[in-house]
Structures are given as structure tokens and as C-alpha cells.
């Protein structure tokens, strides 16, 4: 049940006929696990909390650095040296006191991924390395939890939704393979335009709300590619790989 205060807080989205009170109730009952409280995680955390997702688990073992501040707006100079997960959880609770936000100051890996992610209704992965992304993907398939994957680099971002345990539906490894040593994009080396993570993180939050409440067309099995150098947005299908070692297509 939504309290009077919650009904007032969420009134502008409840009034949407495609969403309504039923959609808001689904968000209140939902649990999202977020991997990374960085450039993608910060805006996603803020908007998921504001939207009324009932429980957020924020997993990140990193601390705030000065070089983070141009693209991670949950943090300020006073937070330098503090745990990203703990600061982000505190800000999420300040944004919306109806939301339970838990910080897990741990580095997710193959050994602990399933334990950290079990019980979530959706995983939002905004981390910055393939080894962690592949560990998250394995756990998502094993636990049968939808995986919303978001990534950025320079002027481009990507968002996709994977449900790899479903027959004929791809997992993340169907797109990138299962090599944890694959070379990835490192913002420290390639750079990133500061507002781009905000755009991609907000897009990921919106797709999370869509997946949890069921309005509109699902992104499952599709990859949205946003190129802000040329201002182009396109979607491509991601086929299931019958030889995928994780989901077997």
C-alpha cells in the first residue's frame, strides 16, 4: 500500500495511464542491486531512489577521488576518500526516506557474486571492467535475474537488458564473449565527457523502471547505442549464441 505522502510524492508518474498506481506499487516492492556507484551508478541511484524503488543494494569497494567529481554528482569535495557505496546509500535515503538503501563495500567477483545478488528483482551493472561484468552475468543467468548493463566511453554509451536464462534470449556473454582478460574501455585512459554518464545512467534508470513495472516495449535482447559526438541513437538486436558457454543460447 502507498501512503498519502507517497501518493503525493509520486503523483506525476502515477498519473501516467501506462504506469499508474499499479506500476508504483511494483516499484515499491522491488529490489535493485547496483554494481558500481560511479559515473553510471550515481545518476541511476538518484533516479531509482526518487522514483520509489523500495530497496537498493549498492555494491562498490572504491572510494571517492577528486577526478570523479566532474561526472559523479552524488559526491562533493568533502566526500573525497570516503566509500562511494556508503555515501551513495546515504544520499539515496536523503532523496527519498521511503527507500531502503544498503551499501556493500565489497568488490564483486566470481566467488561472491551470487551471494551479493541473490534476492534482487533486477541487476543494474555500471562497472568499469570485463572481469566484474562477466561475473555479474554468470550470476544473473544462474539466479534468473534480469541484467541491465550500461557502459560508457569518450562520447558513446550503451544500455542493454539481458535475460539469458530464457530460451532463445541472449546473455551478456553472447555479445562480448566470456574472456575476463578482454581489453575494455578505461575512462582514465580514453577520457569521458562529463555529462555523458549522467545521460546513460538516467537512461538505465528509466529502463529499470520499465522492466520492473512493465510499461512500453521491453529492451530485452536489444542494445541501445547512444553516440553523442554525432547525436545519434540506434538500437540493434543481440542474438542468442547457441555456443555461449554461459547460457547456451
Foldseek 3Di string as FASTA:
>chain_A
DADPVRCVLQVVVLPPPLQHPLLLVLQLPAEEEEEDQALLNQLLLLVSLSSRRAEYEYEEQDFDDPVRCLRRPLDDPVRGPPGSQVSSQVVSCVSPVNHHYHYDNDQDALVCLLVSCPPHQEYEYEDFFQRRVLSNQLNCLVRQHKYWYKYDFAQKIKIAIFRLQDPFFATPCLPVNRDRPDDGHDCVPRNYDRCRSNVRSNVSSVLVSCVSRPGDDHRGQKMWMAGRVVRDIDIDGRTHDCPHPRRND
